[in-house]
Amino acid sequence: MGYFGVREFPWKAEMIVVTVKVDWGQETIQEILPELKKHVEITLQEPGCDDFLFAVDVNNPDIVVATEVYKDYPAHEDHFKTAQWGHFSGIMEKYPPRSIDVKTYDASETRHALDD
């Protein structure tokens, strides 16, 4: 069993996890749903993107929550250099969220004292 915790600077991290919480409102979410799905499908094809999913909050359907996992910090940075990110940024400009909360974590696995 491994312990997941901070051990180095992010640019040296072995795995990056990003959580995003966006308040677009139900009407906008329904309008951009195809773009959200397309963004996930294309981003999952990027080298270094290990996982990416989004969901509408069941307790507050105005909110979209996304989780992204990248193999390392450079892969995460490269995501913002893609044509797809440029396209999706345009969607964000056309449909500006009421609020957005982004958190980026170093999720590198480190050995725990109780590991074999």
Protein backbone atom coordinates (compact mmCIF):
# COMPACT_ATOMS: atom_id res chain seq x y z
CA MET A 1 0.00 0.00 0.00
CA GLY A 2 1.43 3.36 -0.98
CA TYR A 3 1.03 6.71 0.62
CA PHE A 4 0.12 9.55 -1.70
CA GLY A 5 1.52 12.87 -0.67
CA VAL A 6 3.64 15.87 -1.55
CA ARG A 7 7.28 15.11 -1.88
CA GLU A 8 8.77 17.39 -4.53
CA PHE A 9 8.08 20.58 -6.42
CA PRO A 10 5.16 20.20 -8.90
CA TRP A 11 7.38 20.35 -11.97
CA LYS A 12 9.10 17.19 -10.67
CA ALA A 13 5.89 15.42 -9.65
CA GLU A 14 5.22 11.98 -11.05
CA MET A 15 1.46 12.50 -11.23
CA ILE A 16 -0.67 15.63 -11.32
CA VAL A 17 -4.37 15.65 -10.42
CA VAL A 18 -6.49 18.66 -11.31
CA THR A 19 -9.98 19.26 -9.97
CA VAL A 20 -12.19 21.91 -11.54
CA LYS A 21 -15.56 23.14 -10.29
CA VAL A 22 -17.40 25.40 -12.73
CA ASP A 23 -20.70 27.19 -12.14
CA TRP A 24 -22.25 27.66 -15.57
CA GLY A 25 -25.90 27.21 -14.73
CA GLN A 26 -28.12 24.40 -16.02
CA GLU A 27 -29.12 26.12 -19.25
CA THR A 28 -25.55 26.81 -20.34
CA ILE A 29 -24.41 23.31 -19.33
CA GLN A 30 -27.09 21.78 -21.56
CA GLU A 31 -26.03 24.04 -24.42
CA ILE A 32 -22.31 23.23 -24.17
CA LEU A 33 -22.62 19.55 -23.19
CA PRO A 34 -21.44 18.34 -26.62
CA GLU A 35 -18.37 20.59 -26.32
CA LEU A 36 -17.61 19.25 -22.84
CA LYS A 37 -17.77 15.67 -24.12
CA LYS A 38 -15.60 16.52 -27.12
CA HIS A 39 -13.06 18.24 -24.88
CA VAL A 40 -12.75 15.14 -22.71
CA GLU A 41 -12.48 12.77 -25.70
CA ILE A 42 -9.74 14.81 -27.38
CA THR A 43 -7.83 15.55 -24.18
CA LEU A 44 -7.73 11.85 -23.30
CA GLN A 45 -5.76 11.32 -26.52
CA GLU A 46 -3.01 13.72 -25.44
CA PRO A 47 0.28 12.12 -24.46
CA GLY A 48 0.50 12.17 -20.69
CA CYS A 49 -3.23 12.53 -19.99
CA ASP A 50 -4.05 9.42 -17.95
CA ASP A 51 -7.66 10.24 -17.09
CA PHE A 52 -10.23 12.98 -17.56
CA LEU A 53 -13.89 13.00 -16.66
CA PHE A 54 -16.61 15.45 -15.85
CA ALA A 55 -19.96 15.24 -14.13
CA VAL A 56 -22.83 17.51 -13.27
CA ASP A 57 -23.23 17.90 -9.50
CA VAL A 58 -26.39 16.00 -8.50
CA ASN A 59 -26.92 18.32 -5.51
CA ASN A 60 -26.39 21.47 -7.54
CA PRO A 61 -27.03 20.97 -11.28
CA ASP A 62 -25.61 24.44 -12.02
CA ILE A 63 -22.14 23.02 -11.36
CA VAL A 64 -19.83 20.89 -13.53
CA VAL A 65 -17.03 19.08 -11.74
CA ALA A 66 -14.04 17.79 -13.71
CA THR A 67 -11.07 15.66 -12.69
CA GLU A 68 -7.94 15.40 -14.82
CA VAL A 69 -4.91 13.17 -14.22
CA TYR A 70 -1.59 13.78 -15.97
CA LYS A 71 1.52 11.59 -15.79
CA ASP A 72 3.64 14.57 -14.74
CA TYR A 73 3.72 18.36 -14.58
CA PRO A 74 5.14 18.86 -18.11
CA ALA A 75 2.24 16.81 -19.54
CA HIS A 76 -0.16 19.07 -17.65
CA GLU A 77 1.56 22.18 -19.03
CA ASP A 78 1.53 20.73 -22.57
CA HIS A 79 -2.27 20.44 -22.34
CA PHE A 80 -2.48 24.25 -22.49
CA LYS A 81 -0.45 24.35 -25.71
CA THR A 82 -2.87 22.20 -27.73
CA ALA A 83 -5.29 23.33 -30.42
CA GLN A 84 -8.08 21.74 -28.38
CA TRP A 85 -7.28 23.94 -25.39
CA GLY A 86 -7.41 26.96 -27.70
CA HIS A 87 -10.80 25.83 -28.95
CA PHE A 88 -12.15 25.14 -25.46
CA SER A 89 -10.85 28.51 -24.22
CA GLY A 90 -13.04 30.05 -26.90
CA ILE A 91 -16.04 28.16 -25.49
CA MET A 92 -15.16 29.48 -22.02
CA GLU A 93 -15.05 33.03 -23.42
CA LYS A 94 -18.37 32.61 -25.25
CA TYR A 95 -20.01 31.07 -22.16
CA PRO A 96 -18.20 32.65 -19.21
CA PRO A 97 -18.78 30.79 -15.97
CA ARG A 98 -20.28 32.54 -12.98
CA SER A 99 -17.43 31.09 -10.96
CA ILE A 100 -14.59 28.62 -11.39
CA ASP A 101 -12.40 26.88 -8.84
CA VAL A 102 -9.29 25.01 -10.03
CA LYS A 103 -6.99 23.03 -7.77
CA THR A 104 -3.81 21.25 -8.88
CA TYR A 105 -2.24 18.49 -6.77
CA ASP A 106 0.98 16.51 -6.72
CA ALA A 107 -0.24 12.94 -6.32
CA SER A 108 3.09 11.14 -6.59
CA GLU A 109 3.21 7.83 -4.80
CA THR A 110 5.76 7.54 -2.03
CA ARG A 111 6.68 4.57 0.10
CA HIS A 112 5.00 4.31 3.46
CA ALA A 113 6.89 3.06 6.51
CA LEU A 114 4.53 0.06 6.75
CA ASP A 115 5.09 -1.02 3.12
CA ASP A 116 6.92 -4.30 2.59
